[in-house]
Structure formats: C-alpha cells, structure tokens
Protein backbone atom coordinates (compact mmCIF):
# COMPACT_ATOMS: atom_id res chain seq x y z
CA UNK A 1 0.04 -0.01 0.08
CA UNK A 2 2.88 2.39 0.85
CA UNK A 3 4.47 1.67 -2.34
CA UNK A 4 0.97 2.75 -4.22
CA UNK A 5 0.53 5.60 -2.20
CA UNK A 6 4.20 6.79 -3.22
CA UNK A 7 3.74 5.76 -6.76
CA UNK A 8 0.48 8.23 -6.87
CA UNK A 9 2.44 11.11 -5.17
CA UNK A 10 5.36 10.61 -7.78
CA UNK A 11 2.59 10.88 -10.86
CA UNK A 12 1.08 13.61 -9.40
CA UNK A 13 4.40 15.68 -8.77
CA UNK A 14 5.32 14.76 -12.40
CA UNK A 15 1.78 15.86 -13.62
CA UNK A 16 2.09 19.16 -11.66
CA UNK A 17 5.87 19.84 -13.16
CA UNK A 18 4.43 19.39 -16.58
CA UNK A 19 1.77 21.91 -15.97
CA UNK A 20 4.37 24.23 -14.92
CA UNK A 21 6.59 23.71 -17.69
CA UNK A 22 4.43 24.42 -20.63
CA UNK A 23 4.67 22.47 -23.99
CA UNK A 24 6.92 22.84 -26.73
CA UNK A 25 6.10 23.17 -30.66
CA UNK A 26 8.57 21.02 -32.83
CA UNK A 27 8.34 21.65 -36.59
CA UNK A 28 10.00 19.87 -39.42
CA UNK A 29 10.33 22.50 -42.22
CA UNK A 30 11.32 20.88 -45.33
CA UNK A 31 11.86 23.56 -48.11
CA UNK A 32 12.23 26.38 -45.53
CA UNK A 33 15.69 28.15 -45.75
CA UNK A 34 18.10 28.77 -42.72
CA UNK A 35 17.36 31.74 -41.00
CA UNK A 36 13.68 31.96 -41.59
CA UNK A 37 11.69 33.29 -38.68
CA UNK A 38 8.88 31.66 -37.22
CA UNK A 39 6.21 33.52 -35.03
CA UNK A 40 3.90 32.09 -32.78
CA UNK A 41 0.60 34.24 -32.53
CA UNK A 42 -2.07 34.01 -30.04
CA UNK A 43 -5.55 35.96 -30.05
CA UNK A 44 -6.49 38.28 -27.64
CA UNK A 45 -9.91 38.82 -25.97
CA UNK A 46 -10.20 41.88 -28.00
CA UNK A 47 -9.76 39.67 -31.26
CA UNK A 48 -6.41 40.95 -32.13
CA UNK A 49 -3.20 38.72 -33.16
CA UNK A 50 -0.45 38.90 -30.60
CA UNK A 51 2.91 37.62 -31.03
CA UNK A 52 3.75 35.54 -28.12
CA UNK A 53 7.13 33.93 -29.14
CA UNK A 54 9.55 33.16 -32.11
CA UNK A 55 12.00 30.82 -33.46
CA UNK A 56 14.37 30.79 -36.29
CA UNK A 57 14.68 27.52 -38.63
CA UNK A 58 17.91 25.72 -38.63
CA UNK A 59 18.57 22.77 -41.11
CA UNK A 60 14.76 22.71 -41.67
CA UNK A 61 13.81 22.16 -37.99
CA UNK A 62 12.75 24.46 -34.95
CA UNK A 63 11.27 24.09 -31.86
CA UNK A 64 9.60 26.66 -29.64
CA UNK A 65 8.99 26.15 -25.96
CA UNK A 66 5.82 28.01 -24.22
CA UNK A 67 4.23 28.26 -20.96
CA UNK A 68 0.83 26.52 -20.30
CA UNK A 69 -1.92 28.44 -22.14
CA UNK A 70 -4.04 30.60 -20.06
CA UNK A 71 -7.00 29.92 -21.99
CA UNK A 72 -8.89 27.69 -24.41
CA UNK A 73 -7.87 28.92 -27.69
CA UNK A 74 -6.31 28.91 -31.00
CA UNK A 75 -2.62 29.75 -31.78
CA UNK A 76 -1.04 29.54 -35.36
CA UNK A 77 2.37 29.91 -36.91
CA UNK A 78 3.52 32.54 -39.78
CA UNK A 79 6.66 32.83 -41.19
CA UNK A 80 8.80 35.50 -42.44
CA UNK A 81 8.68 36.17 -46.17
CA UNK A 82 5.82 33.33 -46.57
CA UNK A 83 2.60 33.73 -46.97
CA UNK A 84 -0.01 31.66 -45.05
CA UNK A 85 -0.51 30.41 -41.75
CA UNK A 86 -0.47 27.04 -39.91
CA UNK A 87 -3.58 26.81 -37.02
CA UNK A 88 -3.24 24.53 -33.73
CA UNK A 89 -5.17 24.60 -30.59
CA UNK A 90 -3.12 25.78 -27.61
CA UNK A 91 -2.97 22.81 -25.09
CA UNK A 92 -0.24 21.61 -22.76
CA UNK A 93 1.07 18.81 -24.37
CA UNK A 94 3.61 18.88 -27.03
CA UNK A 95 2.93 19.69 -30.61
CA UNK A 96 4.75 18.30 -33.88
CA UNK A 97 4.08 20.00 -36.96
CA UNK A 98 5.10 18.94 -40.34
CA UNK A 99 5.20 21.90 -42.77
CA UNK A 100 4.92 22.09 -46.34
CA UNK A 101 6.22 25.34 -47.69
CA UNK A 102 4.42 25.58 -50.80
CA UNK A 103 1.15 24.36 -49.07
CA UNK A 104 0.94 25.24 -45.51
CA UNK A 105 -2.86 24.30 -45.55
CA UNK A 106 -1.45 20.73 -46.00
CA UNK A 107 0.94 20.83 -42.87
CA UNK A 108 0.49 17.96 -40.49
CA UNK A 109 -0.11 18.75 -36.77
CA UNK A 110 0.44 16.08 -34.38
CA UNK A 111 -0.41 17.07 -30.62
CA UNK A 112 -2.51 16.13 -27.35
CA UNK A 113 -6.26 14.95 -27.24
CA UNK A 114 -7.63 18.67 -28.41
CA UNK A 115 -5.64 18.88 -31.23
CA UNK A 116 -6.56 15.49 -32.42
CA UNK A 117 -10.41 15.79 -31.66
CA UNK A 118 -10.48 19.45 -33.81
CA UNK A 119 -8.44 18.18 -36.72
CA UNK A 120 -10.68 14.83 -36.82
CA UNK A 121 -13.62 17.16 -36.70
CA UNK A 122 -12.01 19.36 -39.46
CA UNK A 123 -11.27 16.14 -41.50
CA UNK A 124 -14.90 14.92 -41.17
CA UNK A 125 -16.66 18.11 -42.11
CA UNK A 126 -14.55 18.56 -44.93
CA UNK A 127 -15.38 14.76 -46.19
CA UNK A 128 -19.09 15.80 -45.62
CA UNK A 129 -18.45 18.82 -47.57
CA UNK A 130 -16.71 17.00 -50.69
CA UNK A 131 -19.81 14.15 -50.82
CA UNK A 132 -22.15 17.01 -50.94
CA UNK A 133 -20.50 18.67 -53.98
CA UNK A 134 -20.20 15.25 -55.80
CA UNK A 135 -24.03 14.48 -55.03
CA UNK A 136 -25.04 17.96 -56.17
CA UNK A 137 -22.98 17.45 -59.45
CA UNK A 138 -24.60 14.03 -60.08
CA UNK A 139 -28.03 15.65 -59.21
CA UNK A 140 -27.82 18.67 -61.74
CA UNK A 141 -26.49 16.08 -64.35
CA UNK A 142 -29.63 13.67 -63.65
CA UNK A 143 -31.70 16.91 -64.07
CA UNK A 144 -30.62 17.81 -67.30
CA UNK A 145 -31.02 14.31 -68.50
CA UNK A 146 -34.32 14.01 -67.01
CA UNK A 147 -33.12 10.60 -65.40
CA UNK A 148 -36.14 10.62 -62.79
CA UNK A 149 -35.44 7.85 -60.97
CA UNK A 150 -32.08 8.69 -60.24
CA UNK A 151 -32.95 12.08 -59.65
CA UNK A 152 -35.12 10.96 -56.58
CA UNK A 153 -32.26 8.23 -55.65
CA UNK A 154 -29.84 11.06 -55.67
CA UNK A 155 -32.46 13.37 -53.65
CA UNK A 156 -32.74 10.57 -50.82
CA UNK A 157 -28.88 10.27 -50.56
CA UNK A 158 -28.54 14.02 -50.11
CA UNK A 159 -31.06 14.12 -47.04
CA UNK A 160 -29.45 11.01 -45.67
CA UNK A 161 -26.11 12.69 -45.58
CA UNK A 162 -27.37 15.69 -44.30
CA UNK A 163 -28.86 13.82 -41.45
CA UNK A 164 -25.61 12.07 -40.91
CA UNK A 165 -23.72 15.36 -40.75
CA UNK A 166 -26.39 16.84 -38.19
CA UNK A 167 -26.16 13.65 -35.99
CA UNK A 168 -22.29 13.74 -36.10
CA UNK A 169 -21.84 17.54 -35.16
CA UNK A 170 -24.64 17.05 -32.45
CA UNK A 171 -22.61 14.51 -30.91
CA UNK A 172 -19.36 16.27 -30.87
CA UNK A 173 -21.11 19.03 -28.80
CA UNK A 174 -22.61 16.86 -26.78
CA UNK A 175 -20.01 14.42 -25.86
CA UNK A 176 -17.22 17.07 -25.50
CA UNK A 177 -18.67 19.82 -23.06
CA UNK A 178 -15.04 20.40 -21.56
CA UNK A 179 -13.39 20.75 -24.90
CA UNK A 180 -13.34 23.82 -27.03
CA UNK A 181 -14.06 21.55 -29.81
CA UNK A 182 -17.49 20.74 -28.54
CA UNK A 183 -18.22 24.51 -28.18
CA UNK A 184 -17.23 25.07 -32.12
CA UNK A 185 -19.49 22.31 -32.95
CA UNK A 186 -22.34 24.16 -30.60
CA UNK A 187 -21.66 27.41 -32.54
CA UNK A 188 -21.70 25.68 -35.93
CA UNK A 189 -25.11 24.00 -35.03
CA UNK A 190 -26.35 27.38 -34.30
CA UNK A 191 -25.26 28.98 -37.39
CA UNK A 192 -26.56 26.34 -39.56
CA UNK A 193 -30.04 26.42 -37.71
CA UNK A 194 -30.05 23.12 -36.93
CA UNK A 195 -30.39 24.41 -33.22
CA UNK A 196 -32.58 27.02 -32.40
CA UNK A 197 -30.90 30.08 -30.13
CA UNK A 198 -33.09 28.83 -27.23
CA UNK A 199 -31.37 25.29 -27.70
CA UNK A 200 -28.26 26.58 -28.10
CA UNK A 201 -28.25 28.49 -24.90
CA UNK A 202 -29.44 25.40 -22.97
CA UNK A 203 -26.69 23.94 -24.21
CA UNK A 204 -24.18 26.41 -23.66
CA UNK A 205 -25.39 26.63 -20.25
CA UNK A 206 -23.90 23.10 -19.28
CA UNK A 207 -20.55 24.19 -20.48
CA UNK A 208 -17.51 24.54 -17.95
CA UNK A 209 -16.96 28.17 -16.57
CA UNK A 210 -13.78 27.92 -18.49
CA UNK A 211 -15.18 27.51 -21.81
CA UNK A 212 -17.35 30.16 -21.04
CA UNK A 213 -14.77 32.58 -20.18
CA UNK A 214 -12.69 31.84 -23.15
CA UNK A 215 -12.64 34.35 -26.12
CA UNK A 216 -14.50 31.95 -28.52
CA UNK A 217 -17.28 30.97 -25.63
CA UNK A 218 -18.03 35.00 -25.01
CA UNK A 219 -18.59 35.58 -28.59
CA UNK A 220 -20.83 32.44 -28.84
CA UNK A 221 -22.48 33.56 -26.04
CA UNK A 222 -23.23 37.25 -27.10
CA UNK A 223 -24.29 35.67 -30.68
CA UNK A 224 -26.73 33.46 -28.98
CA UNK A 225 -28.10 36.30 -26.63
CA UNK A 226 -28.59 38.36 -30.00
CA UNK A 227 -30.33 35.69 -31.68
CA UNK A 228 -32.59 34.84 -29.06
CA UNK A 229 -33.49 38.56 -28.67
CA UNK A 230 -33.86 38.89 -32.42
CA UNK A 231 -36.01 35.92 -32.48
CA UNK A 232 -38.48 37.23 -29.91
CA UNK A 233 -38.32 40.50 -31.50
CA UNK A 234 -37.49 42.05 -28.10
CA UNK A 235 -36.87 45.56 -28.49
CA UNK A 236 -34.55 47.41 -25.58
CA UNK A 237 -36.52 50.61 -25.32
CA UNK A 238 -37.66 52.98 -22.63
CA UNK A 239 -39.68 50.92 -19.88
CA UNK A 240 -37.99 47.69 -20.66
CA UNK A 241 -35.13 45.85 -18.96
CA UNK A 242 -31.75 46.44 -20.19
CA UNK A 243 -29.77 43.33 -21.39
CA UNK A 244 -26.84 42.18 -19.44
CA UNK A 245 -23.61 42.00 -21.90
CA UNK A 246 -20.08 42.22 -21.62
CA UNK A 247 -17.10 42.91 -23.91
CA UNK A 248 -13.25 43.23 -24.08
CA UNK A 249 -11.87 46.36 -22.56
CA UNK A 250 -8.97 48.24 -24.17
CA UNK A 251 -6.39 46.32 -22.13
CA UNK A 252 -7.91 42.81 -23.08
CA UNK A 253 -9.73 42.30 -20.19
CA UNK A 254 -13.37 41.64 -19.89
CA UNK A 255 -16.08 43.70 -18.16
CA UNK A 256 -19.70 43.48 -17.98
CA UNK A 257 -22.77 46.03 -17.99
CA UNK A 258 -23.56 44.74 -14.26
CA UNK A 259 -20.04 45.48 -13.38
CA UNK A 260 -20.37 48.78 -14.40
CA UNK A 261 -23.63 49.84 -12.92
CA UNK A 262 -24.15 53.15 -10.81
CA UNK A 263 -27.48 54.57 -9.28
CA UNK A 264 -27.88 55.74 -13.06
CA UNK A 265 -26.04 54.20 -15.74
CA UNK A 266 -25.52 55.76 -19.33
CA UNK A 267 -24.75 52.95 -22.12
CA UNK A 268 -22.90 55.13 -24.73
CA UNK A 269 -22.84 53.78 -28.26
CA UNK A 270 -20.20 55.61 -30.17
CA UNK A 271 -16.97 55.18 -32.59
CA UNK A 272 -13.64 57.34 -33.14
CA UNK A 273 -14.59 57.87 -36.39
CA UNK A 274 -18.06 59.05 -35.70
CA UNK A 275 -18.09 62.96 -36.00
CA UNK A 276 -20.98 63.57 -34.19
CA UNK A 277 -20.14 61.64 -31.33
CA UNK A 278 -16.52 63.17 -31.01
CA UNK A 279 -18.39 66.55 -31.13
CA UNK A 280 -20.71 65.17 -28.11
CA UNK A 281 -18.24 63.88 -26.21
CA UNK A 282 -16.81 66.88 -24.16
CA UNK A 283 -20.75 67.62 -23.20
CA UNK A 284 -20.72 63.67 -21.71
CA UNK A 285 -17.49 64.16 -19.89
CA UNK A 286 -18.74 67.34 -18.39
CA UNK A 287 -21.80 65.59 -16.88
CA UNK A 288 -19.84 62.56 -15.91
CA UNK A 289 -17.37 64.72 -14.22
CA UNK A 290 -20.51 66.61 -12.30
CA UNK A 291 -22.42 63.65 -11.51
CA UNK A 292 -19.92 60.55 -11.07
CA UNK A 293 -19.67 61.37 -7.26
CA UNK A 294 -23.46 61.42 -6.84
CA UNK A 295 -23.88 58.08 -8.39
CA UNK A 296 -23.40 58.46 -12.42
CA UNK A 297 -21.52 55.32 -14.06
CA UNK A 298 -21.09 55.33 -17.93
CA UNK A 299 -19.93 52.16 -20.11
CA UNK A 300 -19.01 53.28 -23.40
CA UNK A 301 -19.54 50.47 -26.32
CA UNK A 302 -17.61 51.33 -29.36
CA UNK A 303 -17.97 50.28 -32.99
CA UNK A 304 -14.72 50.84 -34.01
CA UNK A 305 -12.63 48.59 -36.25
CA UNK A 306 -9.15 49.37 -35.23
CA UNK A 307 -7.68 48.93 -31.65
CA UNK A 308 -5.32 52.00 -32.00
CA UNK A 309 -7.94 54.34 -33.12
CA UNK A 310 -10.49 53.54 -30.59
CA UNK A 311 -7.79 53.83 -27.84
CA UNK A 312 -6.42 57.06 -28.63
CA UNK A 313 -10.04 58.64 -29.21
CA UNK A 314 -10.54 57.49 -25.71
CA UNK A 315 -7.46 59.25 -24.40
CA UNK A 316 -7.82 62.17 -26.34
CA UNK A 317 -11.68 62.98 -25.43
CA UNK A 318 -10.67 61.95 -21.94
CA UNK A 319 -13.29 59.44 -21.48
CA UNK A 320 -12.50 58.24 -18.05
CA UNK A 321 -15.17 55.52 -17.59
CA UNK A 322 -15.34 51.79 -18.43
CA UNK A 323 -15.16 50.82 -22.26
CA UNK A 324 -15.52 47.49 -24.43
CA UNK A 325 -15.57 46.98 -28.08
CA UNK A 326 -15.41 43.84 -30.11
CA UNK A 327 -14.30 45.81 -33.38
CA UNK A 328 -16.53 44.41 -35.35
CA UNK A 329 -17.91 47.79 -36.72
CA UNK A 330 -21.78 47.58 -37.63
CA UNK A 331 -21.47 43.84 -36.97
CA UNK A 332 -21.06 44.39 -32.80
CA UNK A 333 -23.02 41.83 -31.15
CA UNK A 334 -23.95 44.36 -28.43
CA UNK A 335 -24.86 46.98 -30.74
CA UNK A 336 -27.03 44.24 -32.69
CA UNK A 337 -28.61 43.34 -29.14
CA UNK A 338 -29.82 46.73 -28.38
CA UNK A 339 -30.88 47.32 -32.00
CA UNK A 340 -28.37 50.55 -32.38
CA UNK A 341 -28.52 51.62 -36.08
CA UNK A 342 -27.27 54.78 -36.04
CA UNK A 343 -24.65 56.73 -33.18
CA UNK A 344 -24.08 58.25 -31.09
CA UNK A 345 -27.09 56.42 -29.33
CA UNK A 346 -27.26 56.29 -25.91
CA UNK A 347 -29.72 54.09 -22.92
CA UNK A 348 -30.10 55.75 -19.37
CA UNK A 349 -30.83 53.35 -16.94
CA UNK A 350 -31.77 53.31 -12.96
CA UNK A 351 -30.09 51.08 -10.49
CA UNK A 352 -32.43 48.24 -11.23
CA UNK A 353 -31.04 48.24 -14.80
CA UNK A 354 -34.48 49.70 -16.38
CA UNK A 355 -34.40 51.85 -19.27
CA UNK A 356 -35.46 55.34 -18.41
CA UNK A 357 -34.71 57.36 -21.15
CA UNK A 358 -32.96 57.41 -24.65
CA UNK A 359 -30.68 59.39 -26.73
CA UNK A 360 -30.57 62.39 -24.97
CA UNK A 361 -27.73 64.76 -25.96
CA UNK A 362 -26.42 68.27 -25.03
CA UNK A 363 -28.71 70.19 -22.39
CA UNK A 364 -31.49 67.40 -22.28
CA UNK A 365 -28.73 65.10 -20.93
CA UNK A 366 -27.78 66.69 -18.14
CA UNK A 367 -31.33 67.94 -17.64
CA UNK A 368 -32.21 64.01 -16.84
CA UNK A 369 -29.23 63.29 -14.86
CA UNK A 370 -29.57 66.03 -12.80
CA UNK A 371 -33.42 65.16 -12.21
CA UNK A 372 -32.46 61.35 -11.36
CA UNK A 373 -29.75 62.07 -8.97
CA UNK A 374 -31.96 64.58 -7.22
CA UNK A 375 -30.36 68.04 -8.11
CA UNK A 376 -32.26 70.66 -10.06
CA UNK A 377 -30.53 72.98 -12.63
C-alpha cells in the first residue's frame, strides 16, 4: 500500500511539473531556408493577433517552448516572407508540426487530445462537404438528362447525408462539453440553424466555466443572446429591462454592464470615426465629471474596427469610464442586441437596470441626469 501511495504522489508531482513547464512546438520545415523566422501568434480577448514567441529555422527544423496556455483558444504559426499560416489548438501537450512550404494548408499537426479531436472534426466535416459537392453534381447532370429515378435516388442520398452530418456535429457538441471543439461544434449547429438559439443557450449553459470565459465562448454567448433577442422580436426601449452584456476592454480584459452599474448608468454607443459622437463627447465628459460622485456611471460601447484608433480617441477625449468593443464595426454583437443602427446612441438606466430614457444629448442629457440624482439645474 505504501508503494502504491508513493507511486501516486510521484505521478502527481510529475503531472504538476508538466503543467508548470508548459509545452513545446516542434517543427519539421522541409524546403524552408535557414534563418527563416517563425512566429507563434495568439488571439487576444479583443480579437487581435499577438506574437507570443519566435524561433529561427535551422537545418529545416525549429523548436519553441511555451508556457501553459492561459485559456482555451487557437494559436497559429506565421513565417517571415512566406504567405499563409498554420493553425493549432493551444494545449499543454507537445505539438509536432510537419510543414509544407508550398502548401501550408496541407501541414500535419500532431498534438494532444484537443488537437486530435479538432483536426478529426475538420477532416470529417470536409468529407461531408466533398460528398455534398459530388452528389450535387450528379443531381444536376441527372436533371439535365431528365433521369427521374436517378434524381429521386440522389435526393434521398442528399437527405441522408445531411442527417448524418447533423448527428455527427450534435454528438461532438454533446460529448465534449469540456472541450473547445465541443464549443465550436455548438456554434456551427446554431449557425446552420440546426439548433434554435434557445436550444443552443441550454447547451451552452452546461459548458464548463473555463470554456464560457474563453474568447470563443464569450463570442458565442453574445451571438446566442443576440439571436434570442431577434427571434423573440425583443426591443430594448424605454420601460424595458436592459440586457446584460460583456465585452473586451482596451487592455484585453472583460467587463460587463452589471459590473459597471451605478445609481444611474449611461450606455454610450459611439466610435472614434463618428464625428457627431466626438462632438458630443465633451458634453458627456462634463456631465460625468459633475455627477459621477453622486452615482452616475458610464460604459462606452465602441463600434470601432481598429484598436489603436479606439484607444487614442478615449485618451484624446478624456473618457474616463469603462469601455468595451468587439472591434466589429456595425456587426458588434452588443450594438445588435440593443438594436443600434446609428450613433451616437445612449440608453439611460436606473439602479435596477431599467431603461428610463434614450438618445439624450446636450442640455437634455444633463437635465435628465440632474432629475434622477436629485439635483436641480
């Protein structure tokens, strides 16, 4: 018994060391010149690529040692003076990559269970796509030749193939609730309208917290909530309850509406490129500075596309409150959730999160905030 207990302790210590030490990416780079730089890129919470490490190819090989991944997400390799990239899932297991310079998409990735599951999923989905193309071609030919029986047979085969694909995607989503691949499959099912937004939400809710807080998990949650709101024709207007949301901050963290609430809260939809927004900003700053200590909070939701422009505008206009942006322009999921189709747009909330006014600017904004916080002008 003592030997068994000792063995268990040794295994535990070894596994802990593995987690502390991180993992390595080992590459066979046939055809690459000596001295070619290799870059490992991650994707930040604000959906921006970030180079996290580099290596140099020597004798058609390279190795990069990385710390344990902080979250479930993709990394990808890029190369100096070589077009394209190679994608893999960041997991705390050795990754071996066989590269083909003339066809990076054909590169072979061998890693831990997450990478195996992901690339098996991609391979099978591509197989279904290829079969669909083949059947569609056969159907078109049979239609031109007016081969009635063959047309009917192919139509049945197409339907059966579609059902098999649905079942496969569903099995991946349901059997891998702790895997990023299961999360990806769930998103695919909703995008293909195989699952309703409500059904997707039920499956999303049973995922691990680690997946929900990942970049891809947050993005899917926002898309699900937006789809539910659209499906129910819910309109966030005066008298309704504001929908909670979260988004990436300028420093790559995440903050929610609930975390930003005060006695009175303004949700301010704007963008650095929006001239009317920038003209209104001095008024919003003045109101905020006057009433913040009395309970006024603001959260800005930017419809910017470029991080640099967004951050610079915040600094230039001295917007000293919470800010989020998905950097998706008019496709921003928060703007879509709130039905925002023009900016500037504002929603004023009471301390319970109910919308009590909309789109007030200039003197009208200060007048309303003064009324709500008990101070007359």
